[in-house]
Amino acid sequence: MVMIIGSLHQMREYFAVQVRSGDFPSPALLVDFSLLVDSSLLVDSFKDRSVSSELGSTFSVWTIFLHPSLPAMSDPITLNVGGKLYTTSLATLTSFPDSMLGAMFSGKMPTKRDSQGNCFIDRDGKVFRYILNFLRTSHLDLPEDFQEMGLLRREADFYQVQPLIEALQEKEVELSKAEKNAMLNITLNQRVQTVHFTVREAPQIYSLSSSSMEVFNANIFSTSCLFLKLLGSKLFYCSSGNLSSITSHLQDPNHLTLDWVANVEGLPEEEYTKQNLKRLWVVPANKQINSFQVFVEEVLKIALSDGFCIDSSHPHAVDFMNNKIIRLIRYR
């Protein structure tokens, strides 16, 4: 293709007409054009989804602004994150190119928009402020009484800002060490209950059945809020076929109550949901906890790895072996 254009203005007008008509210039022509003009005259890094998909990676490198409404790197951009609005710049959002945000705002991933035309991200809007500040400064700044470390960690993992993930890991280690001495007390109870259920033997033929079911209860108290959050990140309820972290059941930062059942032989899966029977799993081992012995073993693994040790004065050996009371302590 041969094109003779006498001025930069004519070049811009030429490409503007092509883009608006859907007749996109070739990547090679864009490169040729970008080499002909002073780079200071180009406003780069804006990624129009419809254009970048047509032109591919070449357009992602050489983006030419042909319309005054398209934002420059320093122009303000408003984001709607879970209903909260944030104003920032394209330079900030793409400060970590390998992150999810870097991909979203470099044209490598499609972006959604709300009714006002703001870029929409369906994630937690409250903690996004800390992620955005990290993009701006590369420093993790949290208030002294920050209580949503787990949520922030999950959001950082979603956005895949690797330096932020590493900063959060360092912060959690720092906070854990700052707690110094801590105590962990677990009281365990168990009972046997009869559960009644129907069994489908054939189409339109059902029979009533019953079975003994072990029901477990664990009351956990710790002076370390961070340990309970750590424990909550390892234990999951299984309900309606889905796993949910017990962290959502942690209403008191120092106290956690767990209630669950063991597998019942012959009980159909839908009956667990119908009768609100929750089972307990430990991850990442993906092991179901069907006895107190397994529960104690898994909790001890988590506690010992966090610096706890068994209190030699309590419980008595008989209580410990019978899985009634467990007390652990941590000294710093």
C-alpha atoms as a PDB file:
ATOM      1  CA  MET A   1       0.000   0.000   0.000  1.00  0.00           C
ATOM      2  CA  VAL A   2       1.368   3.412  -0.969  1.00  0.00           C
ATOM      3  CA  MET A   3       0.147   6.501   0.846  1.00  0.00           C
ATOM      4  CA  ILE A   4       1.379  10.070   0.353  1.00  0.00           C
ATOM      5  CA  ILE A   5       0.265  12.442   3.091  1.00  0.00           C
ATOM      6  CA  GLY A   6       1.761  15.884   3.479  1.00  0.00           C
ATOM      7  CA  SER A   7       1.375  16.517   7.223  1.00  0.00           C
ATOM      8  CA  LEU A   8       1.008  14.885  10.617  1.00  0.00           C
ATOM      9  CA  HIS A   9      -2.510  16.301  10.838  1.00  0.00           C
ATOM     10  CA  GLN A  10      -3.441  14.580   7.580  1.00  0.00           C
ATOM     11  CA  MET A  11      -1.968  11.314   8.895  1.00  0.00           C
ATOM     12  CA  ARG A  12      -4.079  11.490  12.020  1.00  0.00           C
ATOM     13  CA  GLU A  13      -7.203  12.308  10.013  1.00  0.00           C
ATOM     14  CA  TYR A  14      -6.505   9.429   7.649  1.00  0.00           C
ATOM     15  CA  PHE A  15      -6.269   6.897  10.479  1.00  0.00           C
ATOM     16  CA  ALA A  16      -9.256   8.432  12.273  1.00  0.00           C
ATOM     17  CA  VAL A  17     -11.480   7.885   9.248  1.00  0.00           C
ATOM     18  CA  GLN A  18     -10.270   4.297   8.900  1.00  0.00           C
ATOM     19  CA  VAL A  19     -10.865   3.444  12.547  1.00  0.00           C
ATOM     20  CA  ARG A  20     -14.324   5.026  12.637  1.00  0.00           C
ATOM     21  CA  SER A  21     -15.354   3.173   9.497  1.00  0.00           C
ATOM     22  CA  GLY A  22     -14.020  -0.146  10.774  1.00  0.00           C
ATOM     23  CA  ASP A  23     -11.374  -0.279   8.021  1.00  0.00           C
ATOM     24  CA  PHE A  24      -8.402  -0.717  10.357  1.00  0.00           C
ATOM     25  CA  PRO A  25      -4.907   0.131   9.107  1.00  0.00           C
ATOM     26  CA  SER A  26      -2.467  -2.740   8.975  1.00  0.00           C
ATOM     27  CA  PRO A  27      -0.071  -3.283  11.913  1.00  0.00           C
ATOM     28  CA  ALA A  28       2.855  -2.656   9.575  1.00  0.00           C
ATOM     29  CA  LEU A  29       1.405   0.685   8.520  1.00  0.00           C
ATOM     30  CA  LEU A  30       0.910   1.693  12.129  1.00  0.00           C
ATOM     31  CA  VAL A  31       4.536   0.867  12.850  1.00  0.00           C
ATOM     32  CA  ASP A  32       5.651   2.873   9.804  1.00  0.00           C
ATOM     33  CA  PHE A  33       3.537   5.793  10.982  1.00  0.00           C
ATOM     34  CA  SER A  34       4.905   5.620  14.519  1.00  0.00           C
ATOM     35  CA  LEU A  35       8.433   5.764  13.176  1.00  0.00           C
ATOM     36  CA  LEU A  36       7.701   8.848  11.078  1.00  0.00           C
ATOM     37  CA  VAL A  37       6.672  11.112  13.907  1.00  0.00           C
ATOM     38  CA  ASP A  38       8.239  12.327  17.106  1.00  0.00           C
ATOM     39  CA  SER A  39       7.262   9.898  19.898  1.00  0.00           C
ATOM     40  CA  SER A  40       6.347  12.883  22.075  1.00  0.00           C
ATOM     41  CA  LEU A  41       3.452  13.548  19.707  1.00  0.00           C
ATOM     42  CA  LEU A  42       1.964  10.098  20.339  1.00  0.00           C
ATOM     43  CA  VAL A  43      -0.186   9.353  23.315  1.00  0.00           C
ATOM     44  CA  ASP A  44       0.452   5.691  24.019  1.00  0.00           C
ATOM     45  CA  SER A  45      -0.821   2.840  26.096  1.00  0.00           C
ATOM     46  CA  PHE A  46      -4.564   3.359  25.652  1.00  0.00           C
ATOM     47  CA  LYS A  47      -6.092   0.079  24.504  1.00  0.00           C
ATOM     48  CA  ASP A  48      -9.373   0.151  22.616  1.00  0.00           C
ATOM     49  CA  ARG A  49     -10.778  -3.386  22.889  1.00  0.00           C
ATOM     50  CA  SER A  50     -12.373  -3.446  19.435  1.00  0.00           C
ATOM     51  CA  VAL A  51      -9.240  -2.101  17.764  1.00  0.00           C
ATOM     52  CA  SER A  52      -6.639  -4.126  19.648  1.00  0.00           C
ATOM     53  CA  SER A  53      -8.467  -7.367  18.899  1.00  0.00           C
ATOM     54  CA  GLU A  54      -8.297  -6.511  15.205  1.00  0.00           C
ATOM     55  CA  LEU A  55      -4.712  -5.386  15.096  1.00  0.00           C
ATOM     56  CA  GLY A  56      -3.199  -7.695  17.685  1.00  0.00           C
ATOM     57  CA  SER A  57      -0.087  -7.078  19.746  1.00  0.00           C
ATOM     58  CA  THR A  58       1.388  -4.531  17.337  1.00  0.00           C
ATOM     59  CA  PHE A  59      -1.404  -2.085  18.152  1.00  0.00           C
ATOM     60  CA  SER A  60      -0.812  -2.764  21.849  1.00  0.00           C
ATOM     61  CA  VAL A  61       2.724  -1.427  21.399  1.00  0.00           C
ATOM     62  CA  TRP A  62       1.951   1.456  19.019  1.00  0.00           C
ATOM     63  CA  THR A  63      -1.381   2.992  20.034  1.00  0.00           C
ATOM     64  CA  ILE A  64      -2.168   6.257  18.316  1.00  0.00           C
ATOM     65  CA  PHE A  65      -4.722   8.631  19.711  1.00  0.00           C
ATOM     66  CA  LEU A  66      -6.907   9.857  16.910  1.00  0.00           C
ATOM     67  CA  HIS A  67      -9.737  11.239  19.027  1.00  0.00           C
ATOM     68  CA  PRO A  68      -9.401  13.842  21.783  1.00  0.00           C
ATOM     69  CA  SER A  69     -11.764  11.913  24.119  1.00  0.00           C
ATOM     70  CA  LEU A  70      -9.373   8.982  24.486  1.00  0.00           C
ATOM     71  CA  PRO A  71      -7.335   9.205  27.731  1.00  0.00           C
ATOM     72  CA  ALA A  72      -3.598   9.640  27.947  1.00  0.00           C
ATOM     73  CA  MET A  73      -1.437   7.846  30.499  1.00  0.00           C
ATOM     74  CA  SER A  74      -1.859  10.711  32.966  1.00  0.00           C
ATOM     75  CA  ASP A  75      -5.533  11.443  32.294  1.00  0.00           C
ATOM     76  CA  PRO A  76      -7.974  10.458  35.068  1.00  0.00           C
ATOM     77  CA  ILE A  77      -9.851   7.166  34.767  1.00  0.00           C
ATOM     78  CA  THR A  78     -12.787   6.293  37.013  1.00  0.00           C
ATOM     79  CA  LEU A  79     -13.254   2.692  38.146  1.00  0.00           C
ATOM     80  CA  ASN A  80     -16.351   1.161  39.666  1.00  0.00           C
ATOM     81  CA  VAL A  81     -15.110  -1.595  41.985  1.00  0.00           C
ATOM     82  CA  GLY A  82     -18.022  -3.366  43.614  1.00  0.00           C
ATOM     83  CA  GLY A  83     -20.041  -0.154  43.672  1.00  0.00           C
ATOM     84  CA  LYS A  84     -17.272   2.120  44.998  1.00  0.00           C
ATOM     85  CA  LEU A  85     -15.765   4.672  42.633  1.00  0.00           C
ATOM     86  CA  TYR A  86     -12.026   5.291  42.386  1.00  0.00           C
ATOM     87  CA  THR A  87     -10.237   7.794  40.171  1.00  0.00           C
ATOM     88  CA  THR A  88      -6.692   7.045  39.042  1.00  0.00           C
ATOM     89  CA  SER A  89      -4.583   7.050  35.872  1.00  0.00           C
ATOM     90  CA  LEU A  90      -3.721   4.511  33.219  1.00  0.00           C
ATOM     91  CA  ALA A  91      -0.076   4.732  34.265  1.00  0.00           C
ATOM     92  CA  THR A  92      -1.004   3.627  37.797  1.00  0.00           C
ATOM     93  CA  LEU A  93      -3.225   0.752  36.669  1.00  0.00           C
ATOM     94  CA  THR A  94      -0.512  -0.624  34.374  1.00  0.00           C
ATOM     95  CA  SER A  95       2.387  -0.046  36.794  1.00  0.00           C
ATOM     96  CA  PHE A  96       2.680  -3.838  37.194  1.00  0.00           C
ATOM     97  CA  PRO A  97       2.238  -5.133  33.619  1.00  0.00           C
ATOM     98  CA  ASP A  98       2.154  -8.822  34.639  1.00  0.00           C
ATOM     99  CA  SER A  99      -0.791  -8.295  36.990  1.00  0.00           C
ATOM    100  CA  MET A 100      -4.456  -8.813  36.207  1.00  0.00           C
ATOM    101  CA  LEU A 101      -4.953  -5.046  36.196  1.00  0.00           C
ATOM    102  CA  GLY A 102      -1.988  -4.622  33.875  1.00  0.00           C
ATOM    103  CA  ALA A 103      -3.610  -7.059  31.458  1.00  0.00           C
ATOM    104  CA  MET A 104      -7.066  -5.493  31.772  1.00  0.00           C
ATOM    105  CA  PHE A 105      -5.894  -1.978  31.014  1.00  0.00           C
ATOM    106  CA  SER A 106      -3.335  -2.806  28.356  1.00  0.00           C
ATOM    107  CA  GLY A 107      -5.942  -4.281  26.028  1.00  0.00           C
ATOM    108  CA  LYS A 108      -4.977  -7.920  26.637  1.00  0.00           C
ATOM    109  CA  MET A 109      -8.241  -8.613  28.473  1.00  0.00           C
ATOM    110  CA  PRO A 110     -11.736  -7.239  27.890  1.00  0.00           C
ATOM    111  CA  THR A 111     -13.146  -4.760  30.409  1.00  0.00           C
ATOM    112  CA  LYS A 112     -16.749  -4.223  31.463  1.00  0.00           C
ATOM    113  CA  ARG A 113     -18.427  -0.837  31.915  1.00  0.00           C
ATOM    114  CA  ASP A 114     -21.243   0.345  34.135  1.00  0.00           C
ATOM    115  CA  SER A 115     -24.192   2.490  33.033  1.00  0.00           C
ATOM    116  CA  GLN A 116     -22.079   5.649  33.455  1.00  0.00           C
ATOM    117  CA  GLY A 117     -19.296   4.343  31.225  1.00  0.00           C
ATOM    118  CA  ASN A 118     -16.882   3.651  34.114  1.00  0.00           C
ATOM    119  CA  CYS A 119     -14.734   0.538  33.985  1.00  0.00           C
ATOM    120  CA  PHE A 120     -16.458  -2.020  36.207  1.00  0.00           C
ATOM    121  CA  ILE A 121     -14.740  -4.686  38.323  1.00  0.00           C
ATOM    122  CA  ASP A 122     -16.974  -7.035  40.313  1.00  0.00           C
ATOM    123  CA  ARG A 123     -14.755  -7.304  43.403  1.00  0.00           C
ATOM    124  CA  ASP A 124     -14.693  -5.911  46.939  1.00  0.00           C
ATOM    125  CA  GLY A 125     -14.638  -2.125  46.680  1.00  0.00           C
ATOM    126  CA  LYS A 126     -13.648  -1.355  50.268  1.00  0.00           C
ATOM    127  CA  VAL A 127     -10.188  -2.968  50.305  1.00  0.00           C
ATOM    128  CA  PHE A 128      -9.385  -1.922  46.725  1.00  0.00           C
ATOM    129  CA  ARG A 129      -8.096   1.374  48.134  1.00  0.00           C
ATOM    130  CA  TYR A 130      -5.091  -0.468  49.612  1.00  0.00           C
ATOM    131  CA  ILE A 131      -4.393  -2.206  46.307  1.00  0.00           C
ATOM    132  CA  LEU A 132      -4.639   1.077  44.411  1.00  0.00           C
ATOM    133  CA  ASN A 133      -2.305   2.821  46.870  1.00  0.00           C
ATOM    134  CA  PHE A 134       0.214   0.004  46.421  1.00  0.00           C
ATOM    135  CA  LEU A 135       0.060   0.502  42.643  1.00  0.00           C
ATOM    136  CA  ARG A 136       0.804   4.183  43.210  1.00  0.00           C
ATOM    137  CA  THR A 137       3.667   3.858  45.707  1.00  0.00           C
ATOM    138  CA  SER A 138       4.822   0.198  45.746  1.00  0.00           C
ATOM    139  CA  HIS A 139       4.404   0.350  49.536  1.00  0.00           C
ATOM    140  CA  LEU A 140       1.849  -1.493  51.676  1.00  0.00           C
ATOM    141  CA  ASP A 141       0.217   1.005  54.029  1.00  0.00           C
ATOM    142  CA  LEU A 142      -2.398  -0.413  56.413  1.00  0.00           C
ATOM    143  CA  PRO A 143      -4.013   1.155  59.489  1.00  0.00           C
ATOM    144  CA  GLU A 144      -2.924  -0.123  62.903  1.00  0.00           C
ATOM    145  CA  ASP A 145      -6.319  -1.725  63.589  1.00  0.00           C
ATOM    146  CA  PHE A 146      -6.728  -3.328  60.148  1.00  0.00           C
ATOM    147  CA  GLN A 147      -8.898  -6.449  60.555  1.00  0.00           C
ATOM    148  CA  GLU A 148      -9.396  -7.689  56.983  1.00  0.00           C
ATOM    149  CA  MET A 149      -6.022  -9.172  56.134  1.00  0.00           C
ATOM    150  CA  GLY A 150      -7.576 -12.370  54.797  1.00  0.00           C
ATOM    151  CA  LEU A 151      -9.888 -10.457  52.450  1.00  0.00           C
ATOM    152  CA  LEU A 152      -7.064  -8.229  51.244  1.00  0.00           C
ATOM    153  CA  ARG A 153      -4.885 -11.278  50.620  1.00  0.00           C
ATOM    154  CA  ARG A 154      -7.618 -12.887  48.487  1.00  0.00           C
ATOM    155  CA  GLU A 155      -8.136  -9.667  46.519  1.00  0.00           C
ATOM    156  CA  ALA A 156      -4.382  -9.286  45.931  1.00  0.00           C
ATOM    157  CA  ASP A 157      -4.333 -12.874  44.707  1.00  0.00           C
ATOM    158  CA  PHE A 158      -7.209 -12.128  42.300  1.00  0.00           C
ATOM    159  CA  TYR A 159      -5.479  -9.078  40.849  1.00  0.00           C
ATOM    160  CA  GLN A 160      -2.180 -11.024  40.778  1.00  0.00           C
ATOM    161  CA  VAL A 161      -0.038  -8.105  41.924  1.00  0.00           C
ATOM    162  CA  GLN A 162       2.888 -10.307  42.924  1.00  0.00           C
ATOM    163  CA  PRO A 163       4.892  -7.661  44.851  1.00  0.00           C
ATOM    164  CA  LEU A 164       1.752  -6.891  46.882  1.00  0.00           C
ATOM    165  CA  ILE A 165       1.222 -10.595  47.625  1.00  0.00           C
ATOM    166  CA  GLU A 166       4.801 -10.815  48.886  1.00  0.00           C
ATOM    167  CA  ALA A 167       4.384  -7.635  50.966  1.00  0.00           C
ATOM    168  CA  LEU A 168       1.247  -9.086  52.566  1.00  0.00           C
ATOM    169  CA  GLN A 169       3.056 -12.299  53.435  1.00  0.00           C
ATOM    170  CA  GLU A 170       5.821 -10.302  55.112  1.00  0.00           C
ATOM    171  CA  LYS A 171       3.223  -8.205  56.954  1.00  0.00           C
ATOM    172  CA  GLU A 172       1.439 -11.272  58.317  1.00  0.00           C
ATOM    173  CA  VAL A 173       4.717 -12.729  59.587  1.00  0.00           C
ATOM    174  CA  GLU A 174       5.492  -9.381  61.202  1.00  0.00           C
ATOM    175  CA  LEU A 175       2.070  -9.200  62.883  1.00  0.00           C
ATOM    176  CA  SER A 176       2.299 -12.795  64.064  1.00  0.00           C
ATOM    177  CA  LYS A 177       5.647 -12.141  65.732  1.00  0.00           C
ATOM    178  CA  ALA A 178       4.329  -8.964  67.320  1.00  0.00           C
ATOM    179  CA  GLU A 179       1.654 -10.927  69.195  1.00  0.00           C
ATOM    180  CA  LYS A 180       4.360 -12.582  71.324  1.00  0.00           C
ATOM    181  CA  ASN A 181       2.869 -14.841  73.982  1.00  0.00           C
ATOM    182  CA  ALA A 182      -0.403 -16.574  73.197  1.00  0.00           C
ATOM    183  CA  MET A 183      -2.665 -19.287  74.558  1.00  0.00           C
ATOM    184  CA  LEU A 184      -4.909 -21.737  72.719  1.00  0.00           C
ATOM    185  CA  ASN A 185      -7.626 -23.720  74.456  1.00  0.00           C
ATOM    186  CA  ILE A 186      -9.867 -26.278  72.741  1.00  0.00           C
ATOM    187  CA  THR A 187     -12.783 -28.067  74.405  1.00  0.00           C
ATOM    188  CA  LEU A 188     -14.222 -31.005  72.502  1.00  0.00           C
ATOM    189  CA  ASN A 189     -17.619 -32.688  72.818  1.00  0.00           C
ATOM    190  CA  GLN A 190     -19.120 -35.613  70.957  1.00  0.00           C
ATOM    191  CA  ARG A 191     -22.500 -37.284  70.907  1.00  0.00           C
ATOM    192  CA  VAL A 192     -24.350 -39.913  68.902  1.00  0.00           C
ATOM    193  CA  GLN A 193     -27.606 -38.983  67.233  1.00  0.00           C
ATOM    194  CA  THR A 194     -30.070 -40.966  65.174  1.00  0.00           C
ATOM    195  CA  VAL A 195     -30.835 -39.595  61.745  1.00  0.00           C
ATOM    196  CA  HIS A 196     -33.887 -40.655  59.728  1.00  0.00           C
ATOM    197  CA  PHE A 197     -33.984 -40.500  55.959  1.00  0.00           C
ATOM    198  CA  THR A 198     -35.723 -41.963  52.935  1.00  0.00           C
ATOM    199  CA  VAL A 199     -34.045 -44.214  50.400  1.00  0.00           C
ATOM    200  CA  ARG A 200     -35.234 -44.497  46.827  1.00  0.00           C
ATOM    201  CA  GLU A 201     -35.188 -48.191  45.952  1.00  0.00           C
ATOM    202  CA  ALA A 202     -36.915 -47.894  42.587  1.00  0.00           C
ATOM    203  CA  PRO A 203     -38.947 -45.350  40.629  1.00  0.00           C
ATOM    204  CA  GLN A 204     -41.809 -44.255  42.885  1.00  0.00           C
ATOM    205  CA  ILE A 205     -40.682 -46.687  45.604  1.00  0.00           C
ATOM    206  CA  TYR A 206     -39.154 -45.258  48.790  1.00  0.00           C
ATOM    207  CA  SER A 207     -38.361 -46.772  52.164  1.00  0.00           C
ATOM    208  CA  LEU A 208     -37.686 -45.150  55.520  1.00  0.00           C
ATOM    209  CA  SER A 209     -34.279 -45.795  57.012  1.00  0.00           C
ATOM    210  CA  SER A 210     -32.296 -44.593  60.012  1.00  0.00           C
ATOM    211  CA  SER A 211     -28.690 -44.627  61.115  1.00  0.00           C
ATOM    212  CA  SER A 212     -26.494 -43.517  63.992  1.00  0.00           C
ATOM    213  CA  MET A 213     -24.581 -40.333  63.354  1.00  0.00           C
ATOM    214  CA  GLU A 214     -21.620 -38.896  65.234  1.00  0.00           C
ATOM    215  CA  VAL A 215     -21.988 -35.194  65.986  1.00  0.00           C
ATOM    216  CA  PHE A 216     -18.895 -33.184  66.954  1.00  0.00           C
ATOM    217  CA  ASN A 217     -18.497 -29.838  68.682  1.00  0.00           C
ATOM    218  CA  ALA A 218     -15.270 -27.891  69.242  1.00  0.00           C
ATOM    219  CA  ASN A 219     -15.071 -24.659  71.221  1.00  0.00           C
ATOM    220  CA  ILE A 220     -11.805 -22.915  70.407  1.00  0.00           C
ATOM    221  CA  PHE A 221     -10.442 -19.899  72.268  1.00  0.00           C
ATOM    222  CA  SER A 222      -7.142 -18.184  71.546  1.00  0.00           C
ATOM    223  CA  THR A 223      -5.575 -14.927  72.641  1.00  0.00           C
ATOM    224  CA  SER A 224      -4.076 -14.817  69.136  1.00  0.00           C
ATOM    225  CA  CYS A 225      -6.621 -13.474  66.642  1.00  0.00           C
ATOM    226  CA  LEU A 226      -4.192 -14.162  63.820  1.00  0.00           C
ATOM    227  CA  PHE A 227      -3.946 -17.833  64.729  1.00  0.00           C
ATOM    228  CA  LEU A 228      -7.718 -18.247  64.605  1.00  0.00           C
ATOM    229  CA  LYS A 229      -7.709 -16.621  61.167  1.00  0.00           C
ATOM    230  CA  LEU A 230      -4.942 -18.999  60.117  1.00  0.00           C
ATOM    231  CA  LEU A 231      -6.954 -21.944  61.430  1.00  0.00           C
ATOM    232  CA  GLY A 232     -10.009 -20.621  59.609  1.00  0.00           C
ATOM    233  CA  SER A 233      -8.106 -20.568  56.331  1.00  0.00           C
ATOM    234  CA  LYS A 234      -7.363 -24.292  56.676  1.00  0.00           C
ATOM    235  CA  LEU A 235     -10.748 -25.643  57.767  1.00  0.00           C
ATOM    236  CA  PHE A 236     -13.818 -25.702  55.529  1.00  0.00           C
ATOM    237  CA  TYR A 237     -17.434 -26.709  55.966  1.00  0.00           C
ATOM    238  CA  CYS A 238     -18.934 -28.912  53.278  1.00  0.00           C
ATOM    239  CA  SER A 239     -22.540 -27.975  52.678  1.00  0.00           C
ATOM    240  CA  SER A 240     -24.739 -28.464  49.609  1.00  0.00           C
ATOM    241  CA  GLY A 241     -21.737 -29.985  47.852  1.00  0.00           C
ATOM    242  CA  ASN A 242     -19.634 -26.813  48.263  1.00  0.00           C
ATOM    243  CA  LEU A 243     -16.724 -25.946  50.535  1.00  0.00           C
ATOM    244  CA  SER A 244     -16.881 -22.697  52.518  1.00  0.00           C
ATOM    245  CA  SER A 245     -14.176 -21.369  54.805  1.00  0.00           C
ATOM    246  CA  ILE A 246     -15.044 -21.301  58.494  1.00  0.00           C
ATOM    247  CA  THR A 247     -13.513 -17.823  58.571  1.00  0.00           C
ATOM    248  CA  SER A 248     -16.961 -16.495  57.654  1.00  0.00           C
ATOM    249  CA  HIS A 249     -18.240 -17.996  60.938  1.00  0.00           C
ATOM    250  CA  LEU A 250     -15.603 -16.165  62.983  1.00  0.00           C
ATOM    251  CA  GLN A 251     -17.695 -13.439  64.609  1.00  0.00           C
ATOM    252  CA  ASP A 252     -15.587 -13.112  67.763  1.00  0.00           C
ATOM    253  CA  PRO A 253     -11.891 -12.614  66.842  1.00  0.00           C
ATOM    254  CA  ASN A 254     -10.804 -14.716  69.852  1.00  0.00           C
ATOM    255  CA  HIS A 255     -13.441 -17.437  69.818  1.00  0.00           C
ATOM    256  CA  LEU A 256     -14.584 -20.004  67.289  1.00  0.00           C
ATOM    257  CA  THR A 257     -17.248 -22.691  67.623  1.00  0.00           C
ATOM    258  CA  LEU A 258     -17.349 -25.603  65.189  1.00  0.00           C
ATOM    259  CA  ASP A 259     -20.217 -28.081  64.748  1.00  0.00           C
ATOM    260  CA  TRP A 260     -20.066 -30.889  62.213  1.00  0.00           C
ATOM    261  CA  VAL A 261     -20.963 -34.516  61.568  1.00  0.00           C
ATOM    262  CA  ALA A 262     -19.123 -37.556  60.318  1.00  0.00           C
ATOM    263  CA  ASN A 263     -20.175 -39.354  57.177  1.00  0.00           C
ATOM    264  CA  VAL A 264     -23.304 -41.423  57.707  1.00  0.00           C
ATOM    265  CA  GLU A 265     -23.352 -44.766  55.942  1.00  0.00           C
ATOM    266  CA  GLY A 266     -26.154 -44.978  53.421  1.00  0.00           C
ATOM    267  CA  LEU A 267     -27.268 -41.368  53.846  1.00  0.00           C
ATOM    268  CA  PRO A 268     -27.963 -39.840  50.399  1.00  0.00           C
ATOM    269  CA  GLU A 269     -25.991 -36.713  49.620  1.00  0.00           C
ATOM    270  CA  GLU A 270     -29.100 -34.555  49.293  1.00  0.00           C
ATOM    271  CA  GLU A 271     -30.109 -35.461  52.859  1.00  0.00           C
ATOM    272  CA  TYR A 272     -27.050 -33.656  54.266  1.00  0.00           C
ATOM    273  CA  THR A 273     -28.355 -30.464  52.676  1.00  0.00           C
ATOM    274  CA  LYS A 274     -31.989 -31.105  53.568  1.00  0.00           C
ATOM    275  CA  GLN A 275     -31.169 -31.752  57.249  1.00  0.00           C
ATOM    276  CA  ASN A 276     -28.496 -29.020  57.420  1.00  0.00           C
ATOM    277  CA  LEU A 277     -25.722 -31.469  58.301  1.00  0.00           C
ATOM    278  CA  LYS A 278     -22.294 -29.892  57.782  1.00  0.00           C
ATOM    279  CA  ARG A 279     -19.132 -31.917  57.344  1.00  0.00           C
ATOM    280  CA  LEU A 280     -15.637 -30.601  58.019  1.00  0.00           C
ATOM    281  CA  TRP A 281     -12.632 -30.676  55.686  1.00  0.00           C
ATOM    282  CA  VAL A 282      -9.038 -29.602  56.069  1.00  0.00           C
ATOM    283  CA  VAL A 283      -7.108 -28.102  53.140  1.00  0.00           C
ATOM    284  CA  PRO A 284      -4.780 -28.290  51.312  1.00  0.00           C
ATOM    285  CA  ALA A 285      -4.711 -31.950  52.421  1.00  0.00           C
ATOM    286  CA  ASN A 286      -8.332 -32.265  51.178  1.00  0.00           C
ATOM    287  CA  LYS A 287      -9.086 -34.600  54.061  1.00  0.00           C
ATOM    288  CA  GLN A 288     -12.509 -35.026  55.613  1.00  0.00           C
ATOM    289  CA  ILE A 289     -12.539 -34.958  59.416  1.00  0.00           C
ATOM    290  CA  ASN A 290     -14.637 -37.914  60.560  1.00  0.00           C
ATOM    291  CA  SER A 291     -13.221 -38.271  64.085  1.00  0.00           C
ATOM    292  CA  PHE A 292     -11.802 -36.189  66.910  1.00  0.00           C
ATOM    293  CA  GLN A 293      -8.478 -37.939  66.505  1.00  0.00           C
ATOM    294  CA  VAL A 294      -8.110 -36.601  62.965  1.00  0.00           C
ATOM    295  CA  PHE A 295      -9.317 -33.166  64.088  1.00  0.00           C
ATOM    296  CA  VAL A 296      -6.763 -32.998  66.913  1.00  0.00           C
ATOM    297  CA  GLU A 297      -3.947 -34.156  64.628  1.00  0.00           C
ATOM    298  CA  GLU A 298      -4.717 -31.488  62.024  1.00  0.00           C
ATOM    299  CA  VAL A 299      -5.143 -28.663  64.557  1.00  0.00           C
ATOM    300  CA  LEU A 300      -1.867 -29.651  66.245  1.00  0.00           C
ATOM    301  CA  LYS A 301      -0.045 -29.512  62.906  1.00  0.00           C
ATOM    302  CA  ILE A 302      -1.311 -25.982  62.281  1.00  0.00           C
ATOM    303  CA  ALA A 303      -0.667 -24.800  65.861  1.00  0.00           C
ATOM    304  CA  LEU A 304       2.830 -26.273  66.143  1.00  0.00           C
ATOM    305  CA  SER A 305       3.818 -24.702  62.820  1.00  0.00           C
ATOM    306  CA  ASP A 306       2.733 -21.339  64.264  1.00  0.00           C
ATOM    307  CA  GLY A 307       5.003 -21.677  67.313  1.00  0.00           C
ATOM    308  CA  PHE A 308       2.608 -23.242  69.837  1.00  0.00           C
ATOM    309  CA  CYS A 309       3.588 -26.118  72.091  1.00  0.00           C
ATOM    310  CA  ILE A 310       1.560 -28.389  74.379  1.00  0.00           C
ATOM    311  CA  ASP A 311       1.104 -27.044  77.905  1.00  0.00           C
ATOM    312  CA  SER A 312       2.836 -29.562  80.158  1.00  0.00           C
ATOM    313  CA  SER A 313       0.613 -28.686  83.135  1.00  0.00           C
ATOM    314  CA  HIS A 314      -2.732 -29.018  81.387  1.00  0.00           C
ATOM    315  CA  PRO A 315      -4.553 -31.080  80.350  1.00  0.00           C
ATOM    316  CA  HIS A 316      -3.911 -34.244  82.249  1.00  0.00           C
ATOM    317  CA  ALA A 317      -2.744 -37.127  80.112  1.00  0.00           C
ATOM    318  CA  VAL A 318      -6.119 -38.893  80.402  1.00  0.00           C
ATOM    319  CA  ASP A 319      -8.017 -35.829  79.165  1.00  0.00           C
ATOM    320  CA  PHE A 320      -5.654 -35.337  76.268  1.00  0.00           C
ATOM    321  CA  MET A 321      -5.813 -38.949  75.124  1.00  0.00           C
ATOM    322  CA  ASN A 322      -9.613 -38.886  75.380  1.00  0.00           C
ATOM    323  CA  ASN A 323      -9.703 -35.758  73.183  1.00  0.00           C
ATOM    324  CA  LYS A 324     -11.626 -33.664  75.713  1.00  0.00           C
ATOM    325  CA  ILE A 325      -9.392 -30.694  76.377  1.00  0.00           C
ATOM    326  CA  ILE A 326      -6.348 -29.354  74.589  1.00  0.00           C
ATOM    327  CA  ARG A 327      -4.331 -26.388  75.785  1.00  0.00           C
ATOM    328  CA  LEU A 328      -1.343 -25.031  73.938  1.00  0.00           C
ATOM    329  CA  ILE A 329       0.894 -22.060  74.668  1.00  0.00           C
ATOM    330  CA  ARG A 330       3.318 -19.958  72.688  1.00  0.00           C
ATOM    331  CA  TYR A 331       6.261 -17.999  74.042  1.00  0.00           C
ATOM    332  CA  ARG A 332       8.156 -15.362  72.080  1.00  0.00           C
END
